[in-house]
Amino acid sequence: MAASRDFRRIAMSLEGTSEAPHFDRTAFKAVRIYATLAADGLTANVKFLPDEQAFKCMMAPQAFAPVPNAWGRQGWTTISLKAIDGVELQAALELAWRHATKKTTTKKNKCTN
């Protein structure tokens, strides 16, 4: 069973992470927001890829559920902290953090005459 203090400790240990208020939650950001913690400390939301979300929700439905609405369809997933252990919480946060810090590259076509 994980607690909000575990969530915060793990998130803040990930390189480049900062913590800031985000509506009624606390956001954890490294380049982009990758996780939020509910004010009551009972749940957290993390950003997975949709296929990662589907897998987590299938394997541990007591711990993971898609956020309702369009946010959930984008991969935002609610974690019930009392239903997850510290090892699995760390793995989930590291996965979300990696997505948030992944550099995107775009190829620009250069026309030469």
C-alpha atoms as a PDB file:
ATOM      1  CA  MET A   1       0.000   0.000   0.000  1.00  0.00           C
ATOM      2  CA  ALA A   2       1.417   3.361  -1.049  1.00  0.00           C
ATOM      3  CA  ALA A   3       0.690   6.748   0.474  1.00  0.00           C
ATOM      4  CA  SER A   4       0.755  10.287  -0.866  1.00  0.00           C
ATOM      5  CA  ARG A   5       4.144  10.841   0.809  1.00  0.00           C
ATOM      6  CA  ASP A   6       5.534   7.882  -1.194  1.00  0.00           C
ATOM      7  CA  PHE A   7       4.100   9.331  -4.400  1.00  0.00           C
ATOM      8  CA  ARG A   8       5.628  12.759  -3.715  1.00  0.00           C
ATOM      9  CA  ARG A   9       9.015  11.299  -2.689  1.00  0.00           C
ATOM     10  CA  ILE A  10       9.271   9.136  -5.808  1.00  0.00           C
ATOM     11  CA  ALA A  11       8.085  11.857  -8.179  1.00  0.00           C
ATOM     12  CA  MET A  12      10.467  14.449  -6.751  1.00  0.00           C
ATOM     13  CA  SER A  13      13.382  12.001  -7.069  1.00  0.00           C
ATOM     14  CA  LEU A  14      12.951  11.914 -10.859  1.00  0.00           C
ATOM     15  CA  GLU A  15      15.335  14.267 -12.628  1.00  0.00           C
ATOM     16  CA  GLY A  16      14.009  17.707 -13.470  1.00  0.00           C
ATOM     17  CA  THR A  17      10.709  17.282 -11.619  1.00  0.00           C
ATOM     18  CA  SER A  18       9.040  20.282 -10.045  1.00  0.00           C
ATOM     19  CA  GLU A  19       5.876  20.424  -7.979  1.00  0.00           C
ATOM     20  CA  ALA A  20       3.171  23.089  -8.344  1.00  0.00           C
ATOM     21  CA  PRO A  21      -0.536  23.621  -7.703  1.00  0.00           C
ATOM     22  CA  HIS A  22      -2.762  22.518 -10.578  1.00  0.00           C
ATOM     23  CA  PHE A  23      -6.461  23.302 -10.094  1.00  0.00           C
ATOM     24  CA  ASP A  24      -7.513  21.218  -7.054  1.00  0.00           C
ATOM     25  CA  ARG A  25      -4.485  18.923  -7.333  1.00  0.00           C
ATOM     26  CA  THR A  26      -0.693  19.074  -7.140  1.00  0.00           C
ATOM     27  CA  ALA A  27       1.093  18.632 -10.466  1.00  0.00           C
ATOM     28  CA  PHE A  28       4.486  17.045 -11.044  1.00  0.00           C
ATOM     29  CA  LYS A  29       6.223  18.299 -14.153  1.00  0.00           C
ATOM     30  CA  ALA A  30       9.439  17.571 -16.023  1.00  0.00           C
ATOM     31  CA  VAL A  31       9.176  19.365 -19.382  1.00  0.00           C
ATOM     32  CA  ARG A  32       5.428  18.465 -19.318  1.00  0.00           C
ATOM     33  CA  ILE A  33       3.068  17.463 -16.515  1.00  0.00           C
ATOM     34  CA  TYR A  34       3.269  13.706 -16.094  1.00  0.00           C
ATOM     35  CA  ALA A  35       1.396  13.203 -12.826  1.00  0.00           C
ATOM     36  CA  THR A  36      -1.015  14.867 -10.432  1.00  0.00           C
ATOM     37  CA  LEU A  37      -1.888  14.079  -6.829  1.00  0.00           C
ATOM     38  CA  ALA A  38      -5.390  14.598  -5.420  1.00  0.00           C
ATOM     39  CA  ALA A  39      -5.737  16.986  -2.486  1.00  0.00           C
ATOM     40  CA  ASP A  40      -7.010  14.148  -0.257  1.00  0.00           C
ATOM     41  CA  GLY A  41      -3.911  12.060  -1.094  1.00  0.00           C
ATOM     42  CA  LEU A  42      -5.959   8.976  -1.945  1.00  0.00           C
ATOM     43  CA  THR A  43      -5.513   8.977  -5.716  1.00  0.00           C
ATOM     44  CA  ALA A  44      -3.088  10.203  -8.326  1.00  0.00           C
ATOM     45  CA  ASN A  45      -3.257  10.560 -12.081  1.00  0.00           C
ATOM     46  CA  VAL A  46      -0.398   9.651 -14.414  1.00  0.00           C
ATOM     47  CA  LYS A  47       0.008   9.949 -18.168  1.00  0.00           C
ATOM     48  CA  PHE A  48       0.569   6.655 -19.999  1.00  0.00           C
ATOM     49  CA  LEU A  49       0.307   5.805 -23.661  1.00  0.00           C
ATOM     50  CA  PRO A  50      -3.180   4.387 -24.366  1.00  0.00           C
ATOM     51  CA  ASP A  51      -1.883   0.830 -24.819  1.00  0.00           C
ATOM     52  CA  GLU A  52       0.080   1.034 -21.554  1.00  0.00           C
ATOM     53  CA  GLN A  53      -3.054   2.300 -19.821  1.00  0.00           C
ATOM     54  CA  ALA A  54      -5.131  -0.583 -21.195  1.00  0.00           C
ATOM     55  CA  PHE A  55      -2.542  -3.106 -20.011  1.00  0.00           C
ATOM     56  CA  LYS A  56      -2.256  -1.629 -16.496  1.00  0.00           C
ATOM     57  CA  CYS A  57      -6.052  -1.442 -16.133  1.00  0.00           C
ATOM     58  CA  MET A  58      -6.433  -5.041 -17.320  1.00  0.00           C
ATOM     59  CA  MET A  59      -3.707  -6.419 -15.045  1.00  0.00           C
ATOM     60  CA  ALA A  60      -4.608  -4.444 -11.886  1.00  0.00           C
ATOM     61  CA  PRO A  61      -8.145  -3.006 -12.153  1.00  0.00           C
ATOM     62  CA  GLN A  62      -8.223  -2.421  -8.399  1.00  0.00           C
ATOM     63  CA  ALA A  63      -5.296  -0.010  -8.741  1.00  0.00           C
ATOM     64  CA  PHE A  64      -5.616   1.558 -12.215  1.00  0.00           C
ATOM     65  CA  ALA A  65      -8.575   3.096 -14.072  1.00  0.00           C
ATOM     66  CA  PRO A  66      -8.801   5.483 -17.025  1.00  0.00           C
ATOM     67  CA  VAL A  67      -9.686   9.048 -16.080  1.00  0.00           C
ATOM     68  CA  PRO A  68     -13.272   9.583 -17.278  1.00  0.00           C
ATOM     69  CA  ASN A  69     -13.728  11.642 -20.470  1.00  0.00           C
ATOM     70  CA  ALA A  70     -11.281  12.689 -23.162  1.00  0.00           C
ATOM     71  CA  TRP A  71      -8.357  12.876 -20.714  1.00  0.00           C
ATOM     72  CA  GLY A  72      -8.666   9.138 -20.148  1.00  0.00           C
ATOM     73  CA  ARG A  73      -8.738   8.449 -23.884  1.00  0.00           C
ATOM     74  CA  GLN A  74      -5.401  10.296 -24.088  1.00  0.00           C
ATOM     75  CA  GLY A  75      -3.862   7.898 -21.554  1.00  0.00           C
ATOM     76  CA  TRP A  76      -4.432   9.738 -18.273  1.00  0.00           C
ATOM     77  CA  THR A  77      -4.917   7.043 -15.661  1.00  0.00           C
ATOM     78  CA  THR A  78      -6.072   7.217 -12.044  1.00  0.00           C
ATOM     79  CA  ILE A  79      -4.118   5.226  -9.476  1.00  0.00           C
ATOM     80  CA  SER A  80      -5.717   4.218  -6.187  1.00  0.00           C
ATOM     81  CA  LEU A  81      -2.718   4.586  -3.893  1.00  0.00           C
ATOM     82  CA  LYS A  82      -4.022   2.156  -1.263  1.00  0.00           C
ATOM     83  CA  ALA A  83      -4.220  -0.564  -3.940  1.00  0.00           C
ATOM     84  CA  ILE A  84      -0.631  -0.293  -5.187  1.00  0.00           C
ATOM     85  CA  ASP A  85       2.732  -1.070  -3.623  1.00  0.00           C
ATOM     86  CA  GLY A  86       5.770   1.170  -3.716  1.00  0.00           C
ATOM     87  CA  VAL A  87       7.573  -0.819  -6.412  1.00  0.00           C
ATOM     88  CA  GLU A  88       4.627  -0.660  -8.811  1.00  0.00           C
ATOM     89  CA  LEU A  89       4.071   3.027  -7.996  1.00  0.00           C
ATOM     90  CA  GLN A  90       7.694   3.798  -8.801  1.00  0.00           C
ATOM     91  CA  ALA A  91       7.452   1.906 -12.089  1.00  0.00           C
ATOM     92  CA  ALA A  92       4.281   3.816 -13.050  1.00  0.00           C
ATOM     93  CA  LEU A  93       5.800   7.197 -12.199  1.00  0.00           C
ATOM     94  CA  GLU A  94       9.037   6.430 -14.042  1.00  0.00           C
ATOM     95  CA  LEU A  95       7.090   5.381 -17.136  1.00  0.00           C
ATOM     96  CA  ALA A  96       5.003   8.565 -17.118  1.00  0.00           C
ATOM     97  CA  TRP A  97       8.129  10.661 -16.435  1.00  0.00           C
ATOM     98  CA  ARG A  98       9.960   9.084 -19.406  1.00  0.00           C
ATOM     99  CA  HIS A  99       7.108  10.053 -21.725  1.00  0.00           C
ATOM    100  CA  ALA A 100       7.109  13.614 -20.382  1.00  0.00           C
ATOM    101  CA  THR A 101      10.840  14.042 -20.853  1.00  0.00           C
ATOM    102  CA  LYS A 102      11.212  12.274 -24.178  1.00  0.00           C
ATOM    103  CA  LYS A 103      12.597  14.648 -26.749  1.00  0.00           C
ATOM    104  CA  THR A 104      10.469  15.007 -29.815  1.00  0.00           C
ATOM    105  CA  THR A 105      12.214  15.484 -33.072  1.00  0.00           C
ATOM    106  CA  THR A 106      10.725  16.834 -36.223  1.00  0.00           C
ATOM    107  CA  LYS A 107      12.238  16.570 -39.615  1.00  0.00           C
ATOM    108  CA  LYS A 108      12.135  19.711 -41.653  1.00  0.00           C
ATOM    109  CA  ASN A 109      12.298  19.445 -45.388  1.00  0.00           C
ATOM    110  CA  LYS A 110      14.839  21.809 -46.804  1.00  0.00           C
ATOM    111  CA  CYS A 111      14.461  22.830 -50.374  1.00  0.00           C
ATOM    112  CA  THR A 112      17.679  23.540 -52.147  1.00  0.00           C
ATOM    113  CA  ASN A 113      17.966  24.983 -55.569  1.00  0.00           C
END
